[in-house]
Amino acid sequence: MEKSNADTKDSKKRAGSGNSAVIKSVRERFTEMLELPKDLVLDRPKLTMIGNRDLMIENYKSVLEYDAGILRINTGSGMIRITGSDLSIREITSEDIVISGMVRSVEFVDAG
């Protein structure tokens, strides 16, 4: 039985989408073997929270929304949504962002 061109294209699409998952898992295993920092190698954010008043996010991409009650931060692995009251950006650089205020929740929203 012969495969049609459409069947061949569909199977290539499915194989291609699985390759990114395989590459990620290989990259993660390699990072663990060499004991490299995952936040740098795998483009993951690193969050440091002191109580519920200060939050530092390293390895972020951009600020998507900024209000006294909500902040949405874009990262390489998705979005981080911070809710609370009197939230303010105390410090911001190209590598990290420091948020002050009463933090009530930190939510991770997957990119894909």
N, C-alpha and C. Protein backbone atom coordinates (compact mmCIF):
# COMPACT_ATOMS: atom_id res chain seq x y z
N MET A 1 0.84 -1.18 0.00
CA MET A 1 0.00 0.00 0.00
C MET A 1 0.89 1.25 0.00
N GLU A 2 0.63 2.19 -0.90
CA GLU A 2 1.44 3.41 -1.03
C GLU A 2 0.87 4.52 -0.17
N LYS A 3 1.77 5.34 0.33
CA LYS A 3 1.35 6.51 1.10
C LYS A 3 1.18 7.69 0.15
N SER A 4 0.18 8.48 0.41
CA SER A 4 -0.02 9.68 -0.39
C SER A 4 0.92 10.77 0.11
N ASN A 5 1.06 11.82 -0.70
CA ASN A 5 1.89 12.95 -0.30
C ASN A 5 1.38 13.59 0.98
N ALA A 6 0.06 13.64 1.15
CA ALA A 6 -0.52 14.24 2.35
C ALA A 6 -0.15 13.43 3.59
N ASP A 7 -0.17 12.07 3.46
CA ASP A 7 0.21 11.21 4.59
C ASP A 7 1.67 11.43 4.96
N THR A 8 2.53 11.55 3.96
CA THR A 8 3.96 11.75 4.21
C THR A 8 4.20 13.08 4.89
N LYS A 9 3.51 14.15 4.43
CA LYS A 9 3.66 15.46 5.04
C LYS A 9 3.19 15.45 6.49
N ASP A 10 2.05 14.77 6.76
CA ASP A 10 1.53 14.70 8.12
C ASP A 10 2.50 13.98 9.05
N SER A 11 3.10 12.90 8.58
CA SER A 11 4.02 12.16 9.44
C SER A 11 5.29 12.97 9.69
N LYS A 12 5.74 13.77 8.70
CA LYS A 12 6.91 14.63 8.91
C LYS A 12 6.60 15.71 9.93
N LYS A 13 5.39 16.28 9.89
CA LYS A 13 5.00 17.31 10.85
C LYS A 13 5.01 16.73 12.26
N ARG A 14 4.44 15.52 12.43
CA ARG A 14 4.41 14.90 13.74
C ARG A 14 5.81 14.59 14.24
N ALA A 15 6.67 14.12 13.39
CA ALA A 15 8.05 13.80 13.77
C ALA A 15 8.80 15.07 14.15
N GLY A 16 8.57 16.15 13.44
CA GLY A 16 9.24 17.41 13.71
C GLY A 16 8.84 18.00 15.04
N SER A 17 7.56 17.87 15.41
CA SER A 17 7.12 18.45 16.68
C SER A 17 7.68 17.68 17.85
N GLY A 18 7.93 16.40 17.70
CA GLY A 18 8.52 15.60 18.77
C GLY A 18 10.00 15.87 18.95
N ASN A 19 10.66 16.33 17.87
CA ASN A 19 12.10 16.59 17.95
C ASN A 19 12.44 17.67 18.96
N SER A 20 11.61 18.70 19.07
CA SER A 20 11.92 19.77 20.02
C SER A 20 11.85 19.25 21.45
N ALA A 21 10.92 18.33 21.73
CA ALA A 21 10.83 17.75 23.07
C ALA A 21 12.05 16.89 23.35
N VAL A 22 12.51 16.15 22.34
CA VAL A 22 13.70 15.30 22.51
C VAL A 22 14.93 16.17 22.74
N ILE A 23 15.06 17.25 21.97
CA ILE A 23 16.20 18.17 22.11
C ILE A 23 16.19 18.79 23.50
N LYS A 24 15.03 19.20 23.99
CA LYS A 24 14.95 19.79 25.32
C LYS A 24 15.37 18.80 26.39
N SER A 25 14.91 17.56 26.27
CA SER A 25 15.26 16.60 27.31
C SER A 25 16.75 16.26 27.25
N VAL A 26 17.35 16.23 26.08
CA VAL A 26 18.78 15.99 25.96
C VAL A 26 19.54 17.17 26.57
N ARG A 27 19.10 18.36 26.28
CA ARG A 27 19.74 19.56 26.82
C ARG A 27 19.64 19.57 28.35
N GLU A 28 18.47 19.19 28.89
CA GLU A 28 18.30 19.14 30.34
C GLU A 28 19.22 18.10 30.97
N ARG A 29 19.31 16.91 30.37
CA ARG A 29 20.19 15.87 30.91
C ARG A 29 21.65 16.31 30.86
N PHE A 30 22.05 16.95 29.77
CA PHE A 30 23.41 17.44 29.62
C PHE A 30 23.72 18.49 30.70
N THR A 31 22.77 19.37 30.94
CA THR A 31 22.93 20.40 31.96
C THR A 31 23.09 19.77 33.34
N GLU A 32 22.29 18.75 33.63
CA GLU A 32 22.38 18.07 34.92
C GLU A 32 23.70 17.34 35.08
N MET A 33 24.15 16.67 34.01
CA MET A 33 25.42 15.93 34.07
C MET A 33 26.59 16.86 34.39
N LEU A 34 26.62 18.01 33.76
CA LEU A 34 27.71 18.96 33.96
C LEU A 34 27.49 19.89 35.15
N GLU A 35 26.34 19.74 35.81
CA GLU A 35 25.97 20.56 36.96
C GLU A 35 26.01 22.05 36.64
N LEU A 36 25.49 22.39 35.46
CA LEU A 36 25.41 23.79 35.03
C LEU A 36 24.13 24.42 35.58
N PRO A 37 24.11 25.72 35.79
CA PRO A 37 22.88 26.37 36.28
C PRO A 37 21.78 26.32 35.23
N LYS A 38 20.66 25.69 35.57
CA LYS A 38 19.56 25.52 34.62
C LYS A 38 18.96 26.84 34.18
N ASP A 39 18.92 27.82 35.07
CA ASP A 39 18.30 29.10 34.71
C ASP A 39 19.05 29.77 33.57
N LEU A 40 20.36 29.60 33.49
CA LEU A 40 21.13 30.22 32.41
C LEU A 40 21.12 29.38 31.14
N VAL A 41 21.37 28.10 31.27
CA VAL A 41 21.50 27.23 30.10
C VAL A 41 20.16 26.98 29.42
N LEU A 42 19.12 26.78 30.19
CA LEU A 42 17.82 26.42 29.63
C LEU A 42 16.88 27.62 29.49
N ASP A 43 17.39 28.83 29.70
CA ASP A 43 16.60 30.05 29.54
C ASP A 43 15.38 30.07 30.46
N ARG A 44 15.57 29.64 31.69
CA ARG A 44 14.50 29.62 32.68
C ARG A 44 14.67 30.77 33.66
N PRO A 45 13.55 31.32 34.13
CA PRO A 45 13.66 32.41 35.10
C PRO A 45 14.03 31.88 36.48
N LYS A 46 14.69 32.71 37.26
CA LYS A 46 15.01 32.38 38.65
C LYS A 46 14.33 33.41 39.52
N LEU A 47 13.49 32.94 40.45
CA LEU A 47 12.75 33.83 41.34
C LEU A 47 13.30 33.72 42.75
N THR A 48 13.51 34.87 43.37
CA THR A 48 13.93 34.93 44.77
C THR A 48 12.93 35.81 45.48
N MET A 49 12.27 35.24 46.50
CA MET A 49 11.23 35.98 47.21
C MET A 49 11.62 36.10 48.68
N ILE A 50 11.53 37.30 49.22
CA ILE A 50 11.80 37.54 50.63
C ILE A 50 10.47 37.87 51.28
N GLY A 51 9.97 36.92 52.06
CA GLY A 51 8.64 37.09 52.65
C GLY A 51 7.61 37.25 51.55
N ASN A 52 6.66 38.13 51.78
CA ASN A 52 5.67 38.42 50.73
C ASN A 52 5.76 39.89 50.31
N ARG A 53 6.93 40.51 50.56
CA ARG A 53 7.11 41.93 50.25
C ARG A 53 8.04 42.22 49.08
N ASP A 54 9.04 41.36 48.84
CA ASP A 54 10.02 41.59 47.77
C ASP A 54 10.19 40.35 46.92
N LEU A 55 10.26 40.56 45.62
CA LEU A 55 10.43 39.46 44.66
C LEU A 55 11.41 39.89 43.59
N MET A 56 12.45 39.08 43.38
CA MET A 56 13.41 39.36 42.32
C MET A 56 13.28 38.25 41.27
N ILE A 57 13.16 38.66 40.01
CA ILE A 57 13.09 37.72 38.90
C ILE A 57 14.30 37.96 38.02
N GLU A 58 15.12 36.92 37.87
CA GLU A 58 16.28 36.98 36.99
C GLU A 58 15.95 36.24 35.70
N ASN A 59 16.58 36.63 34.62
CA ASN A 59 16.42 35.99 33.32
C ASN A 59 15.00 36.16 32.77
N TYR A 60 14.50 37.39 32.80
CA TYR A 60 13.19 37.68 32.24
C TYR A 60 13.38 38.34 30.86
N LYS A 61 12.30 38.41 30.09
CA LYS A 61 12.36 39.00 28.75
C LYS A 61 11.79 40.41 28.71
N SER A 62 10.57 40.58 29.24
CA SER A 62 9.93 41.89 29.18
C SER A 62 8.79 41.98 30.19
N VAL A 63 8.34 43.21 30.44
CA VAL A 63 7.17 43.47 31.29
C VAL A 63 5.98 43.63 30.35
N LEU A 64 4.98 42.78 30.55
CA LEU A 64 3.79 42.81 29.68
C LEU A 64 2.69 43.70 30.25
N GLU A 65 2.55 43.71 31.57
CA GLU A 65 1.51 44.51 32.22
C GLU A 65 2.06 44.98 33.56
N TYR A 66 1.77 46.23 33.89
CA TYR A 66 2.28 46.79 35.14
C TYR A 66 1.21 47.67 35.75
N ASP A 67 0.74 47.28 36.92
CA ASP A 67 -0.29 48.01 37.65
C ASP A 67 -0.02 47.78 39.14
N ALA A 68 -0.64 48.56 40.01
CA ALA A 68 -0.42 48.40 41.45
C ALA A 68 -0.96 47.07 41.97
N GLY A 69 -1.85 46.43 41.20
CA GLY A 69 -2.44 45.17 41.64
C GLY A 69 -1.98 43.94 40.87
N ILE A 70 -1.34 44.13 39.73
CA ILE A 70 -0.92 42.99 38.91
C ILE A 70 0.30 43.34 38.07
N LEU A 71 1.19 42.38 37.95
CA LEU A 71 2.33 42.50 37.04
C LEU A 71 2.38 41.21 36.23
N ARG A 72 2.57 41.35 34.93
CA ARG A 72 2.78 40.17 34.08
C ARG A 72 4.15 40.32 33.45
N ILE A 73 4.99 39.29 33.65
CA ILE A 73 6.37 39.30 33.18
C ILE A 73 6.55 38.18 32.18
N ASN A 74 7.09 38.51 31.02
CA ASN A 74 7.37 37.52 29.98
C ASN A 74 8.75 36.91 30.23
N THR A 75 8.83 35.57 30.14
CA THR A 75 10.10 34.88 30.29
C THR A 75 10.29 33.94 29.11
N GLY A 76 11.45 33.32 29.02
CA GLY A 76 11.72 32.37 27.94
C GLY A 76 10.87 31.11 28.01
N SER A 77 10.31 30.82 29.18
CA SER A 77 9.52 29.60 29.34
C SER A 77 8.06 29.87 29.63
N GLY A 78 7.60 31.07 29.40
CA GLY A 78 6.20 31.41 29.63
C GLY A 78 6.06 32.75 30.31
N MET A 79 4.92 32.94 30.95
CA MET A 79 4.62 34.20 31.60
C MET A 79 4.48 33.98 33.10
N ILE A 80 4.90 34.98 33.87
CA ILE A 80 4.71 34.97 35.32
C ILE A 80 3.73 36.08 35.65
N ARG A 81 2.67 35.75 36.37
CA ARG A 81 1.66 36.74 36.78
C ARG A 81 1.76 36.91 38.29
N ILE A 82 2.02 38.12 38.72
CA ILE A 82 2.13 38.44 40.14
C ILE A 82 0.95 39.33 40.50
N THR A 83 0.19 38.93 41.52
CA THR A 83 -0.93 39.74 41.97
C THR A 83 -0.70 40.14 43.42
N GLY A 84 -1.24 41.28 43.81
CA GLY A 84 -1.10 41.77 45.17
C GLY A 84 -1.61 43.18 45.28
N SER A 85 -1.02 43.94 46.19
CA SER A 85 -1.41 45.34 46.35
C SER A 85 -0.17 46.19 46.55
N ASP A 86 -0.26 47.42 46.12
CA ASP A 86 0.87 48.36 46.18
C ASP A 86 2.13 47.82 45.51
N LEU A 87 1.96 47.06 44.42
CA LEU A 87 3.10 46.50 43.71
C LEU A 87 3.81 47.59 42.93
N SER A 88 5.13 47.57 42.99
CA SER A 88 5.91 48.54 42.23
C SER A 88 7.22 47.88 41.80
N ILE A 89 7.74 48.36 40.69
CA ILE A 89 9.04 47.90 40.23
C ILE A 89 10.08 48.79 40.91
N ARG A 90 10.81 48.21 41.83
CA ARG A 90 11.81 48.98 42.59
C ARG A 90 13.10 49.13 41.81
N GLU A 91 13.45 48.08 41.04
CA GLU A 91 14.69 48.11 40.27
C GLU A 91 14.49 47.25 39.03
N ILE A 92 15.05 47.71 37.91
CA ILE A 92 14.94 46.94 36.67
C ILE A 92 16.22 47.12 35.87
N THR A 93 16.78 45.99 35.43
CA THR A 93 17.95 45.99 34.55
C THR A 93 17.66 45.02 33.41
N SER A 94 18.60 44.86 32.53
CA SER A 94 18.38 43.92 31.42
C SER A 94 18.40 42.47 31.89
N GLU A 95 18.97 42.21 33.08
CA GLU A 95 19.05 40.84 33.58
C GLU A 95 18.00 40.50 34.63
N ASP A 96 17.61 41.48 35.46
CA ASP A 96 16.67 41.16 36.52
C ASP A 96 15.73 42.33 36.81
N ILE A 97 14.67 41.97 37.56
CA ILE A 97 13.66 42.95 37.96
C ILE A 97 13.32 42.69 39.42
N VAL A 98 13.23 43.75 40.22
CA VAL A 98 12.88 43.63 41.63
C VAL A 98 11.53 44.29 41.84
N ILE A 99 10.60 43.53 42.42
CA ILE A 99 9.23 43.99 42.65
C ILE A 99 9.00 44.09 44.15
N SER A 100 8.43 45.21 44.59
CA SER A 100 8.11 45.42 46.00
C SER A 100 6.61 45.60 46.14
N GLY A 101 6.10 45.34 47.33
CA GLY A 101 4.68 45.47 47.61
C GLY A 101 4.18 44.22 48.29
N MET A 102 2.88 44.15 48.51
CA MET A 102 2.27 43.00 49.16
C MET A 102 1.94 41.96 48.07
N VAL A 103 2.75 40.92 47.98
CA VAL A 103 2.56 39.87 46.97
C VAL A 103 1.58 38.84 47.52
N ARG A 104 0.49 38.63 46.80
CA ARG A 104 -0.51 37.65 47.22
C ARG A 104 -0.37 36.34 46.47
N SER A 105 0.02 36.41 45.18
CA SER A 105 0.19 35.16 44.43
C SER A 105 1.20 35.35 43.29
N VAL A 106 1.84 34.25 42.96
CA VAL A 106 2.76 34.19 41.83
C VAL A 106 2.32 32.98 41.01
N GLU A 107 1.95 33.23 39.76
CA GLU A 107 1.40 32.19 38.90
C GLU A 107 2.26 32.06 37.64
N PHE A 108 2.54 30.80 37.27
CA PHE A 108 3.30 30.53 36.04
C PHE A 108 2.33 30.07 34.96
N VAL A 109 2.40 30.72 33.80
CA VAL A 109 1.56 30.37 32.66
C VAL A 109 2.48 29.88 31.56
N ASP A 110 2.31 28.60 31.17
CA ASP A 110 3.18 27.98 30.16
C ASP A 110 3.09 28.68 28.82
N ALA A 111 4.25 28.73 28.12
CA ALA A 111 4.31 29.34 26.80
C ALA A 111 3.73 28.43 25.75
N GLY A 112 3.81 27.16 25.92
CA GLY A 112 3.36 26.27 24.85
C GLY A 112 2.85 25.04 25.37
